[in-house]
Amino acid sequence: MVSWREFEATEPELAGRVQRLFDAGRHKTVATLRADGSPRISGIECEFVDGQLRFGSMAHSRKGADLARDPRFALHGPTFHPVEGKEAEWPGEAKISGRAIPAGPVTTDEATGEAAEGQSFIADVTEVVVTHLDEAATKLVVEWWTPEHGMRLVERD
């Protein structure tokens, strides 16, 4: 299992960029697998706390049932479109894939203090990806990390 903290220790610069991209907006998108193997996309919130990437699901949600059955997930950070004429300033997008490890029940909404039943998860990180433009904004740059292969980069015209 690779925690967010372990990934941060291995690739601190990439981890910092990913966290900034994720923290740029509240709402993210998560992909899970339905019982029949087809993909499900759901809205989600997540947070980086004490070296862990944490997220949850409401009680009796399909997303939570998916993760209980098959813990694989792909999490996409908030999406912001490049501004025309200022493409080089676009910060890019980040994605994190892994396995959701149950971390106990969610009993209160930390932001409001209201009761909020559900399941909490921590991420076992298997892949981290950042997609952005090069400095001239002429090429798409894809940087990704896996525990098996470390850091890789490809540029596309």
C-alpha atoms as a PDB file:
ATOM      1  CA  MET A   1       0.000   0.000   0.000  1.00  0.00           C
ATOM      2  CA  VAL A   2       1.289   3.472  -0.906  1.00  0.00           C
ATOM      3  CA  SER A   3      -0.132   6.267   1.223  1.00  0.00           C
ATOM      4  CA  TRP A   4      -0.253   9.869   0.042  1.00  0.00           C
ATOM      5  CA  ARG A   5       2.555  10.626   2.518  1.00  0.00           C
ATOM      6  CA  GLU A   6       4.772   7.945   0.951  1.00  0.00           C
ATOM      7  CA  PHE A   7       4.069   9.339  -2.508  1.00  0.00           C
ATOM      8  CA  GLU A   8       4.865  12.879  -1.229  1.00  0.00           C
ATOM      9  CA  ALA A   9       8.202  11.637   0.120  1.00  0.00           C
ATOM     10  CA  THR A  10       9.049  10.021  -3.231  1.00  0.00           C
ATOM     11  CA  GLU A  11       7.889  12.855  -5.534  1.00  0.00           C
ATOM     12  CA  PRO A  12       7.420  16.020  -3.419  1.00  0.00           C
ATOM     13  CA  GLU A  13       7.256  18.464  -6.341  1.00  0.00           C
ATOM     14  CA  LEU A  14       4.641  16.458  -8.249  1.00  0.00           C
ATOM     15  CA  ALA A  15       2.670  15.798  -5.054  1.00  0.00           C
ATOM     16  CA  GLY A  16       2.596  19.525  -4.311  1.00  0.00           C
ATOM     17  CA  ARG A  17       1.278  20.344  -7.788  1.00  0.00           C
ATOM     18  CA  VAL A  18      -1.368  17.636  -7.580  1.00  0.00           C
ATOM     19  CA  GLN A  19      -2.535  18.817  -4.175  1.00  0.00           C
ATOM     20  CA  ARG A  20      -2.744  22.449  -5.375  1.00  0.00           C
ATOM     21  CA  LEU A  21      -4.755  21.362  -8.417  1.00  0.00           C
ATOM     22  CA  PHE A  22      -7.113  19.298  -6.255  1.00  0.00           C
ATOM     23  CA  ASP A  23      -7.462  22.091  -3.688  1.00  0.00           C
ATOM     24  CA  ALA A  24      -8.336  24.639  -6.416  1.00  0.00           C
ATOM     25  CA  GLY A  25     -11.986  23.540  -6.337  1.00  0.00           C
ATOM     26  CA  ARG A  26     -14.273  21.694  -3.969  1.00  0.00           C
ATOM     27  CA  HIS A  27     -15.929  19.256  -6.369  1.00  0.00           C
ATOM     28  CA  LYS A  28     -14.080  16.352  -7.949  1.00  0.00           C
ATOM     29  CA  THR A  29     -15.180  13.350 -10.021  1.00  0.00           C
ATOM     30  CA  VAL A  30     -14.616   9.719  -9.069  1.00  0.00           C
ATOM     31  CA  ALA A  31     -14.943   6.654 -11.272  1.00  0.00           C
ATOM     32  CA  THR A  32     -15.864   3.330  -9.674  1.00  0.00           C
ATOM     33  CA  LEU A  33     -16.925  -0.037 -11.064  1.00  0.00           C
ATOM     34  CA  ARG A  34     -20.537  -1.221 -10.951  1.00  0.00           C
ATOM     35  CA  ALA A  35     -21.414  -4.839 -10.116  1.00  0.00           C
ATOM     36  CA  ASP A  36     -21.596  -5.659 -13.845  1.00  0.00           C
ATOM     37  CA  GLY A  37     -18.116  -4.168 -14.417  1.00  0.00           C
ATOM     38  CA  SER A  38     -19.285  -1.038 -16.214  1.00  0.00           C
ATOM     39  CA  PRO A  39     -17.958   2.328 -15.044  1.00  0.00           C
ATOM     40  CA  ARG A  40     -19.832   4.743 -12.795  1.00  0.00           C
ATOM     41  CA  ILE A  41     -18.882   8.431 -12.508  1.00  0.00           C
ATOM     42  CA  SER A  42     -19.936  10.338  -9.393  1.00  0.00           C
ATOM     43  CA  GLY A  43     -19.277  13.698  -7.843  1.00  0.00           C
ATOM     44  CA  ILE A  44     -17.140  13.616  -4.708  1.00  0.00           C
ATOM     45  CA  GLU A  45     -15.182  15.738  -2.284  1.00  0.00           C
ATOM     46  CA  CYS A  46     -11.808  14.704  -0.916  1.00  0.00           C
ATOM     47  CA  GLU A  47      -9.119  16.083   1.348  1.00  0.00           C
ATOM     48  CA  PHE A  48      -5.452  15.591   2.128  1.00  0.00           C
ATOM     49  CA  VAL A  49      -5.192  15.040   5.903  1.00  0.00           C
ATOM     50  CA  ASP A  50      -2.243  13.796   7.974  1.00  0.00           C
ATOM     51  CA  GLY A  51      -0.463  12.312   4.961  1.00  0.00           C
ATOM     52  CA  GLN A  52      -3.573  10.578   3.650  1.00  0.00           C
ATOM     53  CA  LEU A  53      -5.934  11.226   0.775  1.00  0.00           C
ATOM     54  CA  ARG A  54      -9.415  10.820   2.302  1.00  0.00           C
ATOM     55  CA  PHE A  55     -12.857  10.714   0.739  1.00  0.00           C
ATOM     56  CA  GLY A  56     -16.221   9.274   1.618  1.00  0.00           C
ATOM     57  CA  SER A  57     -19.633   8.179   0.488  1.00  0.00           C
ATOM     58  CA  MET A  58     -23.072   8.782   1.903  1.00  0.00           C
ATOM     59  CA  ALA A  59     -24.872   5.907   3.601  1.00  0.00           C
ATOM     60  CA  HIS A  60     -26.438   3.465   1.108  1.00  0.00           C
ATOM     61  CA  SER A  61     -24.867   5.193  -1.920  1.00  0.00           C
ATOM     62  CA  ARG A  62     -24.086   3.275  -5.100  1.00  0.00           C
ATOM     63  CA  LYS A  63     -20.554   4.710  -5.042  1.00  0.00           C
ATOM     64  CA  GLY A  64     -19.973   3.233  -1.576  1.00  0.00           C
ATOM     65  CA  ALA A  65     -21.405  -0.127  -2.644  1.00  0.00           C
ATOM     66  CA  ASP A  66     -19.127  -0.105  -5.687  1.00  0.00           C
ATOM     67  CA  LEU A  67     -16.041   0.541  -3.538  1.00  0.00           C
ATOM     68  CA  ALA A  68     -17.034  -2.117  -0.988  1.00  0.00           C
ATOM     69  CA  ARG A  69     -17.288  -4.681  -3.802  1.00  0.00           C
ATOM     70  CA  ASP A  70     -14.273  -3.551  -5.861  1.00  0.00           C
ATOM     71  CA  PRO A  71     -12.041  -0.906  -4.256  1.00  0.00           C
ATOM     72  CA  ARG A  72     -10.479   0.377  -7.486  1.00  0.00           C
ATOM     73  CA  PHE A  73     -11.140   4.040  -8.241  1.00  0.00           C
ATOM     74  CA  ALA A  74      -9.946   6.925 -10.398  1.00  0.00           C
ATOM     75  CA  LEU A  75     -10.286  10.426  -8.972  1.00  0.00           C
ATOM     76  CA  HIS A  76     -10.183  13.505 -11.229  1.00  0.00           C
ATOM     77  CA  GLY A  77      -9.529  16.935  -9.762  1.00  0.00           C
ATOM     78  CA  PRO A  78     -11.563  20.024 -10.613  1.00  0.00           C
ATOM     79  CA  THR A  79     -11.502  21.004 -14.277  1.00  0.00           C
ATOM     80  CA  PHE A  80     -10.640  24.517 -15.409  1.00  0.00           C
ATOM     81  CA  HIS A  81     -10.432  25.384 -19.094  1.00  0.00           C
ATOM     82  CA  PRO A  82      -7.452  27.283 -20.514  1.00  0.00           C
ATOM     83  CA  VAL A  83      -8.243  30.938 -21.202  1.00  0.00           C
ATOM     84  CA  GLU A  84      -7.946  31.756 -24.894  1.00  0.00           C
ATOM     85  CA  GLY A  85      -4.734  33.674 -25.496  1.00  0.00           C
ATOM     86  CA  LYS A  86      -3.402  32.687 -22.056  1.00  0.00           C
ATOM     87  CA  GLU A  87      -3.060  28.942 -22.579  1.00  0.00           C
ATOM     88  CA  ALA A  88       0.466  28.911 -21.113  1.00  0.00           C
ATOM     89  CA  GLU A  89      -1.023  30.022 -17.757  1.00  0.00           C
ATOM     90  CA  TRP A  90      -3.353  27.008 -17.555  1.00  0.00           C
ATOM     91  CA  PRO A  91      -2.279  25.029 -14.452  1.00  0.00           C
ATOM     92  CA  GLY A  92      -3.416  21.705 -15.884  1.00  0.00           C
ATOM     93  CA  GLU A  93      -5.402  18.819 -14.439  1.00  0.00           C
ATOM     94  CA  ALA A  94      -4.596  16.064 -11.964  1.00  0.00           C
ATOM     95  CA  LYS A  95      -5.807  12.490 -11.540  1.00  0.00           C
ATOM     96  CA  ILE A  96      -5.181   9.913  -8.826  1.00  0.00           C
ATOM     97  CA  SER A  97      -5.953   6.207  -9.129  1.00  0.00           C
ATOM     98  CA  GLY A  98      -5.800   3.517  -6.518  1.00  0.00           C
ATOM     99  CA  ARG A  99      -7.732   1.334  -4.139  1.00  0.00           C
ATOM    100  CA  ALA A 100     -10.146   2.697  -1.532  1.00  0.00           C
ATOM    101  CA  ILE A 101      -9.347   1.340   1.922  1.00  0.00           C
ATOM    102  CA  PRO A 102     -12.286   1.530   4.374  1.00  0.00           C
ATOM    103  CA  ALA A 103     -11.440   3.910   7.224  1.00  0.00           C
ATOM    104  CA  GLY A 104     -14.588   3.704   9.323  1.00  0.00           C
ATOM    105  CA  PRO A 105     -17.896   5.491   9.377  1.00  0.00           C
ATOM    106  CA  VAL A 106     -18.448   9.168   8.694  1.00  0.00           C
ATOM    107  CA  THR A 107     -20.552  10.400  11.587  1.00  0.00           C
ATOM    108  CA  THR A 108     -20.402  14.196  11.293  1.00  0.00           C
ATOM    109  CA  ASP A 109     -19.832  16.720   8.554  1.00  0.00           C
ATOM    110  CA  GLU A 110     -16.624  18.425   9.691  1.00  0.00           C
ATOM    111  CA  ALA A 111     -17.534  21.658   7.876  1.00  0.00           C
ATOM    112  CA  THR A 112     -20.994  22.069   9.443  1.00  0.00           C
ATOM    113  CA  GLY A 113     -20.931  19.783  12.485  1.00  0.00           C
ATOM    114  CA  GLU A 114     -24.188  18.181  11.298  1.00  0.00           C
ATOM    115  CA  ALA A 115     -24.795  14.438  11.398  1.00  0.00           C
ATOM    116  CA  ALA A 116     -23.769  12.835   8.095  1.00  0.00           C
ATOM    117  CA  GLU A 117     -23.754   9.051   7.997  1.00  0.00           C
ATOM    118  CA  GLY A 118     -21.610   7.225   5.494  1.00  0.00           C
ATOM    119  CA  GLN A 119     -18.326   5.436   4.874  1.00  0.00           C
ATOM    120  CA  SER A 120     -14.876   7.038   4.959  1.00  0.00           C
ATOM    121  CA  PHE A 121     -11.998   5.792   2.785  1.00  0.00           C
ATOM    122  CA  ILE A 122      -8.272   6.419   2.485  1.00  0.00           C
ATOM    123  CA  ALA A 123      -6.458   6.010  -0.821  1.00  0.00           C
ATOM    124  CA  ASP A 124      -3.907   3.330  -1.551  1.00  0.00           C
ATOM    125  CA  VAL A 125      -2.246   5.248  -4.392  1.00  0.00           C
ATOM    126  CA  THR A 126      -1.389   3.289  -7.550  1.00  0.00           C
ATOM    127  CA  GLU A 127      -1.028   6.135 -10.081  1.00  0.00           C
ATOM    128  CA  VAL A 128      -0.769   9.930 -10.102  1.00  0.00           C
ATOM    129  CA  VAL A 129      -1.079  11.953 -13.323  1.00  0.00           C
ATOM    130  CA  VAL A 130      -0.724  15.644 -14.155  1.00  0.00           C
ATOM    131  CA  THR A 131      -1.600  16.910 -17.622  1.00  0.00           C
ATOM    132  CA  HIS A 132      -0.573  20.443 -18.636  1.00  0.00           C
ATOM    133  CA  LEU A 133       0.839  22.473 -21.514  1.00  0.00           C
ATOM    134  CA  ASP A 134       4.520  23.192 -22.080  1.00  0.00           C
ATOM    135  CA  GLU A 135       5.815  26.754 -21.518  1.00  0.00           C
ATOM    136  CA  ALA A 136       5.123  27.716 -25.152  1.00  0.00           C
ATOM    137  CA  ALA A 137       1.629  26.191 -24.914  1.00  0.00           C
ATOM    138  CA  THR A 138       2.317  24.180 -28.072  1.00  0.00           C
ATOM    139  CA  LYS A 139       2.536  20.668 -26.609  1.00  0.00           C
ATOM    140  CA  LEU A 140       0.501  18.642 -24.168  1.00  0.00           C
ATOM    141  CA  VAL A 141       2.692  17.336 -21.341  1.00  0.00           C
ATOM    142  CA  VAL A 142       1.626  14.233 -19.420  1.00  0.00           C
ATOM    143  CA  GLU A 143       3.575  13.421 -16.260  1.00  0.00           C
ATOM    144  CA  TRP A 144       2.707  10.299 -14.333  1.00  0.00           C
ATOM    145  CA  TRP A 145       4.017   8.220 -11.466  1.00  0.00           C
ATOM    146  CA  THR A 146       3.424   4.626 -10.417  1.00  0.00           C
ATOM    147  CA  PRO A 147       5.078   2.671  -7.592  1.00  0.00           C
ATOM    148  CA  GLU A 148       6.413   0.156 -10.129  1.00  0.00           C
ATOM    149  CA  HIS A 149       7.918   2.571 -12.675  1.00  0.00           C
ATOM    150  CA  GLY A 150       8.391   5.843 -10.830  1.00  0.00           C
ATOM    151  CA  MET A 151       8.103   9.132 -12.679  1.00  0.00           C
ATOM    152  CA  ARG A 152       7.550   9.288 -16.447  1.00  0.00           C
ATOM    153  CA  LEU A 153       6.824  12.085 -18.908  1.00  0.00           C
ATOM    154  CA  VAL A 154       5.583  12.311 -22.472  1.00  0.00           C
ATOM    155  CA  GLU A 155       4.983  15.359 -24.670  1.00  0.00           C
ATOM    156  CA  ARG A 156       2.433  15.339 -27.460  1.00  0.00           C
ATOM    157  CA  ASP A 157       1.966  17.813 -30.314  1.00  0.00           C
END
